[in-house]
C-alpha atoms as a PDB file:
ATOM      1  CA  MET A   1      -9.048  -6.719 -10.445  1.00  0.00           C
ATOM      2  CA  SER A   2     -11.359  -4.656 -13.231  1.00  0.00           C
ATOM      3  CA  THR A   3     -14.867  -3.948 -13.542  1.00  0.00           C
ATOM      4  CA  GLU A   4     -17.086  -2.734 -16.403  1.00  0.00           C
ATOM      5  CA  GLU A   5     -17.453   1.029 -14.689  1.00  0.00           C
ATOM      6  CA  SER A   6     -13.483   0.622 -14.716  1.00  0.00           C
ATOM      7  CA  ASP A   7     -13.531  -0.716 -18.343  1.00  0.00           C
ATOM      8  CA  ILE A   8     -15.772   1.987 -19.623  1.00  0.00           C
ATOM      9  CA  LEU A   9     -13.900   4.538 -18.352  1.00  0.00           C
ATOM     10  CA  PHE A  10     -10.532   3.261 -19.215  1.00  0.00           C
ATOM     11  CA  LYS A  11     -11.262   2.979 -22.500  1.00  0.00           C
ATOM     12  CA  LEU A  12     -12.943   6.950 -22.899  1.00  0.00           C
ATOM     13  CA  VAL A  13      -9.553   7.880 -22.229  1.00  0.00           C
ATOM     14  CA  GLU A  14      -7.904   5.222 -24.581  1.00  0.00           C
ATOM     15  CA  GLU A  15     -10.573   6.512 -26.907  1.00  0.00           C
ATOM     16  CA  LYS A  16      -9.178  10.535 -26.274  1.00  0.00           C
ATOM     17  CA  TYR A  17      -5.769  10.446 -25.680  1.00  0.00           C
ATOM     18  CA  GLY A  18      -4.421   6.344 -27.036  1.00  0.00           C
ATOM     19  CA  ASP A  19      -2.886   7.618 -29.518  1.00  0.00           C
ATOM     20  CA  ARG A  20      -0.413   9.833 -27.726  1.00  0.00           C
ATOM     21  CA  LEU A  21       0.633   7.260 -24.776  1.00  0.00           C
ATOM     22  CA  THR A  22       2.533   4.562 -24.792  1.00  0.00           C
ATOM     23  CA  PRO A  23       1.276   1.144 -23.197  1.00  0.00           C
ATOM     24  CA  LYS A  24       2.671   1.304 -20.812  1.00  0.00           C
ATOM     25  CA  GLU A  25       1.491   5.031 -20.291  1.00  0.00           C
ATOM     26  CA  LEU A  26      -2.099   3.564 -20.658  1.00  0.00           C
ATOM     27  CA  GLU A  27      -1.139   0.618 -17.964  1.00  0.00           C
ATOM     28  CA  GLU A  28      -0.708   3.326 -15.830  1.00  0.00           C
ATOM     29  CA  ILE A  29      -3.070   5.273 -16.543  1.00  0.00           C
ATOM     30  CA  LYS A  30      -5.442   1.710 -16.134  1.00  0.00           C
ATOM     31  CA  LYS A  31      -4.482   1.513 -12.382  1.00  0.00           C
ATOM     32  CA  GLY A  32      -5.216   4.544 -11.694  1.00  0.00           C
ATOM     33  CA  VAL A  33      -8.793   4.460 -13.096  1.00  0.00           C
ATOM     34  CA  GLU A  34      -9.456   1.405 -11.114  1.00  0.00           C
ATOM     35  CA  ARG A  35      -8.348   2.741  -7.716  1.00  0.00           C
ATOM     36  CA  VAL A  36     -10.575   5.690  -8.718  1.00  0.00           C
ATOM     37  CA  THR A  37     -13.743   3.478  -9.570  1.00  0.00           C
ATOM     38  CA  GLU A  38     -12.561   1.647  -6.020  1.00  0.00           C
ATOM     39  CA  THR A  39     -12.987   4.768  -4.090  1.00  0.00           C
ATOM     40  CA  ALA A  40     -16.160   5.451  -5.344  1.00  0.00           C
ATOM     41  CA  ARG A  41     -17.749   2.242  -4.870  1.00  0.00           C
ATOM     42  CA  ALA A  42     -16.445   2.888  -1.616  1.00  0.00           C
ATOM     43  CA  LEU A  43     -17.670   6.184  -1.401  1.00  0.00           C
ATOM     44  CA  ARG A  44     -21.532   4.934  -2.417  1.00  0.00           C
ATOM     45  CA  GLU A  45     -21.607   2.558   0.478  1.00  0.00           C
ATOM     46  CA  VAL A  46     -21.620   5.175   3.037  1.00  0.00           C
ATOM     47  CA  LYS A  47     -24.949   5.364   3.471  1.00  0.00           C
ATOM     48  CA  ILE A  48     -26.459   8.956   4.532  1.00  0.00           C
ATOM     49  CA  GLU A  49     -30.168  10.582   5.248  1.00  0.00           C
ATOM     50  CA  ASN A  50     -30.731  14.166   3.968  1.00  0.00           C
ATOM     51  CA  TRP A  51     -29.899  15.444   7.557  1.00  0.00           C
ATOM     52  CA  ASP A  52     -26.640  14.597   8.101  1.00  0.00           C
ATOM     53  CA  GLU A  53     -24.140  16.542   8.621  1.00  0.00           C
ATOM     54  CA  PRO A  54     -20.261  17.044   7.283  1.00  0.00           C
ATOM     55  CA  PHE A  55     -18.117  16.055   9.196  1.00  0.00           C
ATOM     56  CA  THR A  56     -15.217  18.645  10.307  1.00  0.00           C
ATOM     57  CA  VAL A  57     -12.426  19.488  12.148  1.00  0.00           C
ATOM     58  CA  PHE A  58     -12.091  22.124  14.690  1.00  0.00           C
ATOM     59  CA  ARG A  59      -8.511  23.251  14.989  1.00  0.00           C
ATOM     60  CA  PRO A  60      -8.808  26.804  16.877  1.00  0.00           C
ATOM     61  CA  TYR A  61      -5.704  29.107  15.557  1.00  0.00           C
ATOM     62  CA  THR A  62      -2.606  28.902  17.088  1.00  0.00           C
ATOM     63  CA  LYS A  63       0.687  32.222  16.934  1.00  0.00           C
ATOM     64  CA  GLU A  64       2.966  29.092  15.455  1.00  0.00           C
ATOM     65  CA  GLU A  65       0.908  29.379  12.587  1.00  0.00           C
END
């Protein structure tokens, strides 16, 4: 499930650090880059307007904390 974006990002990592990494490590990094680009793509698909506020979770203080 490789995309142009993840290929470009992986090549940057490979060029900079490839001489210090094993093929297995590079494969794990490639998988990680693909996951990050998939997450970024999903975030880009969320349409928000300038007036949309961030989602916050209210957690009142309790003595147990």
